[in-house]
Amino acid sequence: MTIAGHVDDSALMKSLGEQGFGIFPAPILVRAEVERHYGVNYIGTIDNVYQHYYAFTPDRLIKDSIYDEFIKHAQMT
C-alpha cells in the first residue's frame, strides 16, 4: 500500500473513499449507514482513537433535561 496524500477534510475523505481511492475513519455507531450511503466496506477498528466534542454555553441557557444530563456526564469525565 502506498500513501499518496493526507486529507483533513472529512467530506473529501468520504468522497475519495466512495470512489475507491483510499480509506477513511467513521464512527462505528453509524457503520451501517456509512456502508449503505457511500457503498464502502468496513475493514476494521483503530484502538485508542477518540472524538472530542465541546459545548460552549452559559449555564443559564441550559434548560432542557437532555442538556443537563450531557453536562453532568461531561463534567464527570
N, C-alpha and C. Protein backbone atom coordinates (compact mmCIF):
# COMPACT_ATOMS: atom_id res chain seq x y z
N MET A 1 0.84 -1.17 0.00
CA MET A 1 0.00 0.00 0.00
C MET A 1 0.89 1.24 0.00
N THR A 2 0.51 2.22 -0.78
CA THR A 2 1.24 3.48 -0.86
C THR A 2 0.35 4.61 -0.40
N ILE A 3 0.88 5.47 0.44
CA ILE A 3 0.15 6.66 0.86
C ILE A 3 0.49 7.77 -0.11
N ALA A 4 -0.53 8.22 -0.85
CA ALA A 4 -0.31 9.25 -1.86
C ALA A 4 -0.69 10.63 -1.37
N GLY A 5 -1.41 10.70 -0.27
CA GLY A 5 -1.81 12.01 0.24
C GLY A 5 -2.43 11.91 1.61
N HIS A 6 -2.58 13.03 2.23
CA HIS A 6 -3.20 13.14 3.55
C HIS A 6 -4.29 14.19 3.44
N VAL A 7 -5.50 13.84 3.83
CA VAL A 7 -6.65 14.74 3.69
C VAL A 7 -7.24 15.01 5.05
N ASP A 8 -7.45 16.27 5.39
CA ASP A 8 -8.07 16.64 6.66
C ASP A 8 -9.56 16.96 6.53
N ASP A 9 -10.05 17.08 5.32
CA ASP A 9 -11.45 17.42 5.07
C ASP A 9 -12.28 16.14 5.04
N SER A 10 -13.20 15.97 5.99
CA SER A 10 -13.95 14.71 6.10
C SER A 10 -14.82 14.45 4.87
N ALA A 11 -15.39 15.49 4.27
CA ALA A 11 -16.21 15.30 3.07
C ALA A 11 -15.35 14.79 1.91
N LEU A 12 -14.16 15.35 1.77
CA LEU A 12 -13.26 14.89 0.71
C LEU A 12 -12.80 13.46 0.96
N MET A 13 -12.51 13.13 2.23
CA MET A 13 -12.12 11.75 2.57
C MET A 13 -13.20 10.77 2.16
N LYS A 14 -14.45 11.09 2.50
CA LYS A 14 -15.56 10.19 2.18
C LYS A 14 -15.76 10.09 0.67
N SER A 15 -15.62 11.20 -0.01
CA SER A 15 -15.77 11.19 -1.46
C SER A 15 -14.70 10.33 -2.12
N LEU A 16 -13.46 10.48 -1.68
CA LEU A 16 -12.38 9.66 -2.22
C LEU A 16 -12.59 8.18 -1.90
N GLY A 17 -13.01 7.89 -0.67
CA GLY A 17 -13.29 6.51 -0.29
C GLY A 17 -14.42 5.91 -1.11
N GLU A 18 -15.43 6.71 -1.36
CA GLU A 18 -16.57 6.26 -2.16
C GLU A 18 -16.14 5.91 -3.58
N GLN A 19 -15.17 6.63 -4.09
CA GLN A 19 -14.66 6.38 -5.44
C GLN A 19 -13.61 5.27 -5.48
N GLY A 20 -13.27 4.71 -4.30
CA GLY A 20 -12.30 3.63 -4.23
C GLY A 20 -10.86 4.10 -4.12
N PHE A 21 -10.68 5.37 -3.75
CA PHE A 21 -9.33 5.93 -3.64
C PHE A 21 -8.89 6.08 -2.19
N GLY A 22 -8.88 5.03 -1.44
CA GLY A 22 -8.37 5.11 -0.09
C GLY A 22 -9.36 4.68 0.97
N ILE A 23 -8.98 4.96 2.20
CA ILE A 23 -9.80 4.60 3.36
C ILE A 23 -10.08 5.87 4.16
N PHE A 24 -11.12 5.81 4.99
CA PHE A 24 -11.44 6.94 5.85
C PHE A 24 -12.06 6.44 7.15
N PRO A 25 -11.88 7.18 8.23
CA PRO A 25 -12.47 6.79 9.51
C PRO A 25 -13.93 7.24 9.58
N ALA A 26 -14.72 6.47 10.32
CA ALA A 26 -16.11 6.82 10.58
C ALA A 26 -16.50 6.19 11.92
N PRO A 27 -17.38 6.84 12.66
CA PRO A 27 -17.82 6.26 13.94
C PRO A 27 -18.49 4.90 13.74
N ILE A 28 -18.17 3.95 14.59
CA ILE A 28 -18.71 2.60 14.49
C ILE A 28 -20.23 2.60 14.67
N LEU A 29 -20.76 3.58 15.38
CA LEU A 29 -22.21 3.65 15.62
C LEU A 29 -23.00 3.91 14.34
N VAL A 30 -22.37 4.47 13.33
CA VAL A 30 -23.06 4.74 12.06
C VAL A 30 -22.50 3.88 10.93
N ARG A 31 -21.91 2.77 11.29
CA ARG A 31 -21.27 1.88 10.31
C ARG A 31 -22.23 1.49 9.18
N ALA A 32 -23.40 0.98 9.52
CA ALA A 32 -24.35 0.51 8.50
C ALA A 32 -24.76 1.65 7.58
N GLU A 33 -25.01 2.82 8.14
CA GLU A 33 -25.41 3.97 7.33
C GLU A 33 -24.29 4.40 6.38
N VAL A 34 -23.05 4.42 6.88
CA VAL A 34 -21.90 4.80 6.04
C VAL A 34 -21.70 3.79 4.92
N GLU A 35 -21.78 2.51 5.25
CA GLU A 35 -21.62 1.47 4.22
C GLU A 35 -22.69 1.60 3.14
N ARG A 36 -23.92 1.82 3.56
CA ARG A 36 -25.02 1.93 2.61
C ARG A 36 -24.93 3.22 1.78
N HIS A 37 -24.66 4.33 2.42
CA HIS A 37 -24.65 5.62 1.75
C HIS A 37 -23.48 5.77 0.77
N TYR A 38 -22.30 5.33 1.19
CA TYR A 38 -21.10 5.52 0.37
C TYR A 38 -20.70 4.30 -0.44
N GLY A 39 -21.38 3.17 -0.22
CA GLY A 39 -21.04 1.96 -0.96
C GLY A 39 -19.65 1.45 -0.61
N VAL A 40 -19.29 1.53 0.66
CA VAL A 40 -17.97 1.11 1.13
C VAL A 40 -18.11 -0.08 2.07
N ASN A 41 -16.99 -0.69 2.42
CA ASN A 41 -16.98 -1.83 3.34
C ASN A 41 -16.13 -1.51 4.55
N TYR A 42 -16.59 -1.96 5.68
CA TYR A 42 -15.88 -1.85 6.95
C TYR A 42 -14.64 -2.74 6.90
N ILE A 43 -13.46 -2.20 7.27
CA ILE A 43 -12.25 -3.03 7.25
C ILE A 43 -11.64 -3.24 8.63
N GLY A 44 -12.11 -2.52 9.64
CA GLY A 44 -11.59 -2.74 10.98
C GLY A 44 -11.68 -1.51 11.86
N THR A 45 -11.21 -1.68 13.10
CA THR A 45 -11.24 -0.59 14.07
C THR A 45 -9.81 -0.17 14.42
N ILE A 46 -9.70 1.01 14.94
CA ILE A 46 -8.42 1.53 15.42
C ILE A 46 -8.59 1.77 16.91
N ASP A 47 -7.78 1.09 17.72
CA ASP A 47 -7.87 1.24 19.17
C ASP A 47 -7.34 2.59 19.64
N ASN A 48 -7.89 3.05 20.73
CA ASN A 48 -7.44 4.27 21.40
C ASN A 48 -7.55 5.52 20.54
N VAL A 49 -8.59 5.60 19.72
CA VAL A 49 -8.88 6.81 18.95
C VAL A 49 -10.19 7.37 19.47
N TYR A 50 -10.19 8.64 19.81
CA TYR A 50 -11.37 9.25 20.41
C TYR A 50 -11.73 10.54 19.69
N GLN A 51 -13.03 10.83 19.68
CA GLN A 51 -13.53 12.07 19.13
C GLN A 51 -13.97 12.94 20.30
N HIS A 52 -13.55 14.18 20.31
CA HIS A 52 -13.92 15.09 21.38
C HIS A 52 -14.94 16.11 20.88
N TYR A 53 -15.93 16.38 21.70
CA TYR A 53 -16.95 17.38 21.38
C TYR A 53 -16.95 18.43 22.48
N TYR A 54 -17.16 19.65 22.10
CA TYR A 54 -17.16 20.76 23.05
C TYR A 54 -18.46 21.53 22.92
N ALA A 55 -19.05 21.88 24.06
CA ALA A 55 -20.26 22.70 24.08
C ALA A 55 -19.96 23.94 24.91
N PHE A 56 -20.10 25.08 24.30
CA PHE A 56 -19.86 26.34 24.97
C PHE A 56 -21.19 27.07 25.10
N THR A 57 -21.66 27.18 26.32
CA THR A 57 -22.93 27.86 26.56
C THR A 57 -22.98 28.34 28.00
N PRO A 58 -23.57 29.49 28.23
CA PRO A 58 -23.75 29.95 29.62
C PRO A 58 -24.71 29.01 30.35
N ASP A 59 -24.44 28.73 31.61
CA ASP A 59 -25.28 27.83 32.40
C ASP A 59 -26.74 28.25 32.38
N ARG A 60 -27.00 29.53 32.35
CA ARG A 60 -28.39 29.99 32.42
C ARG A 60 -29.21 29.61 31.19
N LEU A 61 -28.57 29.26 30.08
CA LEU A 61 -29.29 28.90 28.87
C LEU A 61 -29.63 27.41 28.80
N ILE A 62 -29.07 26.61 29.72
CA ILE A 62 -29.33 25.17 29.70
C ILE A 62 -30.59 24.90 30.51
N LYS A 63 -31.70 24.68 29.80
CA LYS A 63 -32.98 24.48 30.47
C LYS A 63 -33.59 23.10 30.15
N ASP A 64 -33.08 22.42 29.15
CA ASP A 64 -33.60 21.12 28.75
C ASP A 64 -32.91 20.02 29.54
N SER A 65 -33.65 19.00 29.95
CA SER A 65 -33.08 17.94 30.78
C SER A 65 -32.01 17.14 30.04
N ILE A 66 -32.13 16.99 28.72
CA ILE A 66 -31.11 16.25 27.98
C ILE A 66 -29.77 16.98 28.02
N TYR A 67 -29.81 18.30 27.97
CA TYR A 67 -28.58 19.08 28.08
C TYR A 67 -28.00 18.98 29.49
N ASP A 68 -28.88 18.96 30.49
CA ASP A 68 -28.42 18.80 31.87
C ASP A 68 -27.67 17.49 32.03
N GLU A 69 -28.21 16.39 31.48
CA GLU A 69 -27.56 15.09 31.57
C GLU A 69 -26.23 15.09 30.81
N PHE A 70 -26.22 15.70 29.66
CA PHE A 70 -24.99 15.79 28.87
C PHE A 70 -23.90 16.52 29.65
N ILE A 71 -24.24 17.65 30.24
CA ILE A 71 -23.28 18.44 31.00
C ILE A 71 -22.80 17.68 32.24
N LYS A 72 -23.72 17.01 32.94
CA LYS A 72 -23.32 16.24 34.13
C LYS A 72 -22.34 15.12 33.75
N HIS A 73 -22.65 14.42 32.68
CA HIS A 73 -21.77 13.33 32.24
C HIS A 73 -20.42 13.88 31.80
N ALA A 74 -20.42 14.98 31.08
CA ALA A 74 -19.16 15.57 30.60
C ALA A 74 -18.31 16.03 31.78
N GLN A 75 -18.92 16.54 32.82
CA GLN A 75 -18.16 17.02 33.97
C GLN A 75 -17.58 15.88 34.79
N MET A 76 -18.17 14.69 34.69
CA MET A 76 -17.66 13.54 35.43
C MET A 76 -16.42 12.94 34.77
N THR A 77 -16.25 13.15 33.47
CA THR A 77 -15.11 12.54 32.77
C THR A 77 -13.94 13.47 32.69
